[in-house]
Amino acid sequence: MKTSARNQIHATVHAVHDGVVNSEVMLDLPGAGKLVAIVTKESARALALSPGKKVLAFVKASWPILVVGPLSKTSARNHLEGVVKSIMTGAVETEVAVQVPGGPELVVMITKGSEKDMALKIGDPVGVLIKASHVILGVD
């Protein structure tokens, strides 16, 4: 499958908690990481999501928030920690690749100004925040 989403993460459904309209899908990532997705209850049914099901989680590179320093409490359900693997600076935006230990590599787009303010370097520890509603699930 080809998509424009830079982050395509293999995961396994750990649990599905149905609400009235939406379902909260708890995912296990390679290694020991976790990811939470919010999908409509109808989508969860159509994808036959249940514990043990293999899924692909898609997150566009422009959706996550990159954090330097300790992660504070936020409304984002997903807080992943990693290290800066690469930095590619463009005219307006910068692409930052973050390696999550034992897990996926995530690509995050930030502004060139944010890159300068954060003084990012390869090997720096960073956090990646992703709202659960920004995780799109796919199955074969």
C-alpha atoms as a PDB file:
ATOM      1  CA  MET A   1       0.000   0.000   0.000  1.00  0.00           C
ATOM      2  CA  LYS A   2       1.334   3.458  -0.867  1.00  0.00           C
ATOM      3  CA  THR A   3       0.176   6.578   0.975  1.00  0.00           C
ATOM      4  CA  SER A   4       1.446  10.116   1.452  1.00  0.00           C
ATOM      5  CA  ALA A   5       1.664   9.568   5.222  1.00  0.00           C
ATOM      6  CA  ARG A   6       5.374   9.468   6.109  1.00  0.00           C
ATOM      7  CA  ASN A   7       4.782   7.560   9.323  1.00  0.00           C
ATOM      8  CA  GLN A   8       3.520   4.030   8.664  1.00  0.00           C
ATOM      9  CA  ILE A   9       3.813   2.030  11.857  1.00  0.00           C
ATOM     10  CA  HIS A  10       3.197  -1.714  12.164  1.00  0.00           C
ATOM     11  CA  ALA A  11       1.249  -2.412  15.345  1.00  0.00           C
ATOM     12  CA  THR A  12      -0.958  -4.974  17.043  1.00  0.00           C
ATOM     13  CA  VAL A  13      -4.323  -4.175  18.618  1.00  0.00           C
ATOM     14  CA  HIS A  14      -4.089  -4.621  22.389  1.00  0.00           C
ATOM     15  CA  ALA A  15      -7.637  -3.552  23.285  1.00  0.00           C
ATOM     16  CA  VAL A  16     -10.682  -1.785  21.859  1.00  0.00           C
ATOM     17  CA  HIS A  17     -12.923   0.294  24.119  1.00  0.00           C
ATOM     18  CA  ASP A  18     -16.206   1.245  22.455  1.00  0.00           C
ATOM     19  CA  GLY A  19     -18.001   4.461  23.265  1.00  0.00           C
ATOM     20  CA  VAL A  20     -21.330   5.645  21.917  1.00  0.00           C
ATOM     21  CA  VAL A  21     -19.845   7.047  18.682  1.00  0.00           C
ATOM     22  CA  ASN A  22     -16.071   6.429  18.818  1.00  0.00           C
ATOM     23  CA  SER A  23     -13.784   3.575  19.794  1.00  0.00           C
ATOM     24  CA  GLU A  24     -10.472   3.933  21.592  1.00  0.00           C
ATOM     25  CA  VAL A  25      -7.974   1.488  20.098  1.00  0.00           C
ATOM     26  CA  MET A  26      -4.927   0.617  22.199  1.00  0.00           C
ATOM     27  CA  LEU A  27      -1.975  -0.538  20.073  1.00  0.00           C
ATOM     28  CA  ASP A  28       1.243  -2.353  20.912  1.00  0.00           C
ATOM     29  CA  LEU A  29       4.248  -1.164  18.900  1.00  0.00           C
ATOM     30  CA  PRO A  30       7.377  -3.157  18.091  1.00  0.00           C
ATOM     31  CA  GLY A  31       9.541  -3.118  21.201  1.00  0.00           C
ATOM     32  CA  ALA A  32       7.642  -1.935  24.267  1.00  0.00           C
ATOM     33  CA  GLY A  33       5.874   1.135  22.893  1.00  0.00           C
ATOM     34  CA  LYS A  34       2.173   1.892  22.971  1.00  0.00           C
ATOM     35  CA  LEU A  35      -0.004   4.028  20.709  1.00  0.00           C
ATOM     36  CA  VAL A  36      -3.644   5.062  21.101  1.00  0.00           C
ATOM     37  CA  ALA A  37      -5.981   5.757  18.181  1.00  0.00           C
ATOM     38  CA  ILE A  38      -9.526   7.119  18.196  1.00  0.00           C
ATOM     39  CA  VAL A  39     -11.707   5.904  15.334  1.00  0.00           C
ATOM     40  CA  THR A  40     -15.435   5.855  14.827  1.00  0.00           C
ATOM     41  CA  LYS A  41     -17.211   2.830  16.229  1.00  0.00           C
ATOM     42  CA  GLU A  42     -18.352   2.025  12.686  1.00  0.00           C
ATOM     43  CA  SER A  43     -14.726   2.112  11.438  1.00  0.00           C
ATOM     44  CA  ALA A  44     -13.633  -0.210  14.247  1.00  0.00           C
ATOM     45  CA  ARG A  45     -16.385  -2.628  13.215  1.00  0.00           C
ATOM     46  CA  ALA A  46     -15.601  -2.356   9.483  1.00  0.00           C
ATOM     47  CA  LEU A  47     -11.894  -3.036  10.148  1.00  0.00           C
ATOM     48  CA  ALA A  48     -12.799  -5.927  12.498  1.00  0.00           C
ATOM     49  CA  LEU A  49     -10.493  -4.489  15.168  1.00  0.00           C
ATOM     50  CA  SER A  50      -9.951  -6.850  18.077  1.00  0.00           C
ATOM     51  CA  PRO A  51      -7.036  -7.839  20.315  1.00  0.00           C
ATOM     52  CA  GLY A  52      -4.237  -9.497  18.339  1.00  0.00           C
ATOM     53  CA  LYS A  53      -5.226  -7.951  14.992  1.00  0.00           C
ATOM     54  CA  LYS A  54      -2.271  -6.601  12.976  1.00  0.00           C
ATOM     55  CA  VAL A  55      -2.749  -3.021  11.764  1.00  0.00           C
ATOM     56  CA  LEU A  56      -0.864  -0.194  10.142  1.00  0.00           C
ATOM     57  CA  ALA A  57      -1.028   3.138  11.954  1.00  0.00           C
ATOM     58  CA  PHE A  58      -0.587   6.187   9.717  1.00  0.00           C
ATOM     59  CA  VAL A  59       0.411   9.645  10.979  1.00  0.00           C
ATOM     60  CA  LYS A  60       1.187  12.505   8.609  1.00  0.00           C
ATOM     61  CA  ALA A  61       4.557  14.103   9.373  1.00  0.00           C
ATOM     62  CA  SER A  62       2.926  17.501   9.891  1.00  0.00           C
ATOM     63  CA  TRP A  63       0.649  16.279  12.724  1.00  0.00           C
ATOM     64  CA  PRO A  64       3.023  15.394  15.615  1.00  0.00           C
ATOM     65  CA  ILE A  65       4.501  17.976  17.977  1.00  0.00           C
ATOM     66  CA  LEU A  66       8.238  17.760  18.685  1.00  0.00           C
ATOM     67  CA  VAL A  67       9.326  18.472  22.266  1.00  0.00           C
ATOM     68  CA  VAL A  68      12.796  19.134  23.674  1.00  0.00           C
ATOM     69  CA  GLY A  69      13.220  18.596  27.410  1.00  0.00           C
ATOM     70  CA  PRO A  70      11.016  16.798  29.895  1.00  0.00           C
ATOM     71  CA  LEU A  71       7.549  15.875  28.690  1.00  0.00           C
ATOM     72  CA  SER A  72       4.936  17.680  30.695  1.00  0.00           C
ATOM     73  CA  LYS A  73       1.295  16.701  30.946  1.00  0.00           C
ATOM     74  CA  THR A  74      -0.598  17.390  27.733  1.00  0.00           C
ATOM     75  CA  SER A  75      -3.909  16.437  26.201  1.00  0.00           C
ATOM     76  CA  ALA A  76      -2.088  14.347  23.567  1.00  0.00           C
ATOM     77  CA  ARG A  77      -2.634  10.670  24.361  1.00  0.00           C
ATOM     78  CA  ASN A  78       0.584   9.549  22.690  1.00  0.00           C
ATOM     79  CA  HIS A  79       3.944  10.559  24.176  1.00  0.00           C
ATOM     80  CA  LEU A  80       6.848   8.780  22.484  1.00  0.00           C
ATOM     81  CA  GLU A  81      10.468   9.408  23.401  1.00  0.00           C
ATOM     82  CA  GLY A  82      13.402   8.994  21.064  1.00  0.00           C
ATOM     83  CA  VAL A  83      16.538  10.571  19.668  1.00  0.00           C
ATOM     84  CA  VAL A  84      17.046  12.769  16.621  1.00  0.00           C
ATOM     85  CA  LYS A  85      18.321  10.535  13.813  1.00  0.00           C
ATOM     86  CA  SER A  86      18.451  13.086  10.999  1.00  0.00           C
ATOM     87  CA  ILE A  87      17.608  16.700  10.218  1.00  0.00           C
ATOM     88  CA  MET A  88      16.853  17.999   6.720  1.00  0.00           C
ATOM     89  CA  THR A  89      16.397  21.768   6.593  1.00  0.00           C
ATOM     90  CA  GLY A  90      14.318  23.234   3.784  1.00  0.00           C
ATOM     91  CA  ALA A  91      13.489  26.819   2.865  1.00  0.00           C
ATOM     92  CA  VAL A  92      10.493  27.006   5.231  1.00  0.00           C
ATOM     93  CA  GLU A  93      10.179  23.672   7.034  1.00  0.00           C
ATOM     94  CA  THR A  94      12.565  21.162   8.535  1.00  0.00           C
ATOM     95  CA  GLU A  95      12.128  17.391   8.471  1.00  0.00           C
ATOM     96  CA  VAL A  96      13.262  15.699  11.680  1.00  0.00           C
ATOM     97  CA  ALA A  97      13.546  11.909  11.875  1.00  0.00           C
ATOM     98  CA  VAL A  98      13.234  10.529  15.408  1.00  0.00           C
ATOM     99  CA  GLN A  99      14.255   6.978  16.318  1.00  0.00           C
ATOM    100  CA  VAL A 100      12.114   5.503  19.085  1.00  0.00           C
ATOM    101  CA  PRO A 101      14.298   2.937  20.908  1.00  0.00           C
ATOM    102  CA  GLY A 102      13.225  -0.570  19.903  1.00  0.00           C
ATOM    103  CA  GLY A 103      10.385   0.926  17.893  1.00  0.00           C
ATOM    104  CA  PRO A 104       9.575   2.912  14.788  1.00  0.00           C
ATOM    105  CA  GLU A 105      11.353   5.840  13.200  1.00  0.00           C
ATOM    106  CA  LEU A 106       8.992   8.832  13.147  1.00  0.00           C
ATOM    107  CA  VAL A 107       9.212  11.802  10.801  1.00  0.00           C
ATOM    108  CA  VAL A 108       8.088  15.167  12.170  1.00  0.00           C
ATOM    109  CA  MET A 109       7.859  18.403  10.173  1.00  0.00           C
ATOM    110  CA  ILE A 110       8.630  21.606  12.069  1.00  0.00           C
ATOM    111  CA  THR A 111       9.191  25.166  10.928  1.00  0.00           C
ATOM    112  CA  LYS A 112      12.711  26.347  10.221  1.00  0.00           C
ATOM    113  CA  GLY A 113      12.218  28.873  13.036  1.00  0.00           C
ATOM    114  CA  SER A 114      11.347  26.096  15.482  1.00  0.00           C
ATOM    115  CA  GLU A 115      14.443  24.175  14.439  1.00  0.00           C
ATOM    116  CA  LYS A 116      16.572  27.228  15.202  1.00  0.00           C
ATOM    117  CA  ASP A 117      14.822  27.882  18.537  1.00  0.00           C
ATOM    118  CA  MET A 118      15.181  24.236  19.583  1.00  0.00           C
ATOM    119  CA  ALA A 119      18.853  24.086  18.479  1.00  0.00           C
ATOM    120  CA  LEU A 120      18.357  20.462  17.420  1.00  0.00           C
ATOM    121  CA  LYS A 121      21.331  18.180  16.822  1.00  0.00           C
ATOM    122  CA  ILE A 122      21.563  14.554  15.754  1.00  0.00           C
ATOM    123  CA  GLY A 123      21.506  12.352  18.844  1.00  0.00           C
ATOM    124  CA  ASP A 124      19.483  14.818  20.959  1.00  0.00           C
ATOM    125  CA  PRO A 125      16.745  13.248  23.088  1.00  0.00           C
ATOM    126  CA  VAL A 126      13.276  14.469  22.074  1.00  0.00           C
ATOM    127  CA  GLY A 127       9.634  13.704  22.641  1.00  0.00           C
ATOM    128  CA  VAL A 128       6.963  13.242  19.988  1.00  0.00           C
ATOM    129  CA  LEU A 129       3.354  14.058  20.889  1.00  0.00           C
ATOM    130  CA  ILE A 130       0.544  12.660  18.736  1.00  0.00           C
ATOM    131  CA  LYS A 131      -3.158  13.170  19.332  1.00  0.00           C
ATOM    132  CA  ALA A 132      -5.091   9.906  19.268  1.00  0.00           C
ATOM    133  CA  SER A 133      -7.437  11.391  16.663  1.00  0.00           C
ATOM    134  CA  HIS A 134      -4.421  11.918  14.360  1.00  0.00           C
ATOM    135  CA  VAL A 135      -3.723   8.193  14.115  1.00  0.00           C
ATOM    136  CA  ILE A 136      -5.345   6.585  11.064  1.00  0.00           C
ATOM    137  CA  LEU A 137      -5.637   2.793  11.078  1.00  0.00           C
ATOM    138  CA  GLY A 138      -5.491   0.433   8.136  1.00  0.00           C
ATOM    139  CA  VAL A 139      -5.703  -3.360   7.747  1.00  0.00           C
ATOM    140  CA  ASP A 140      -5.047  -5.790   4.912  1.00  0.00           C
END
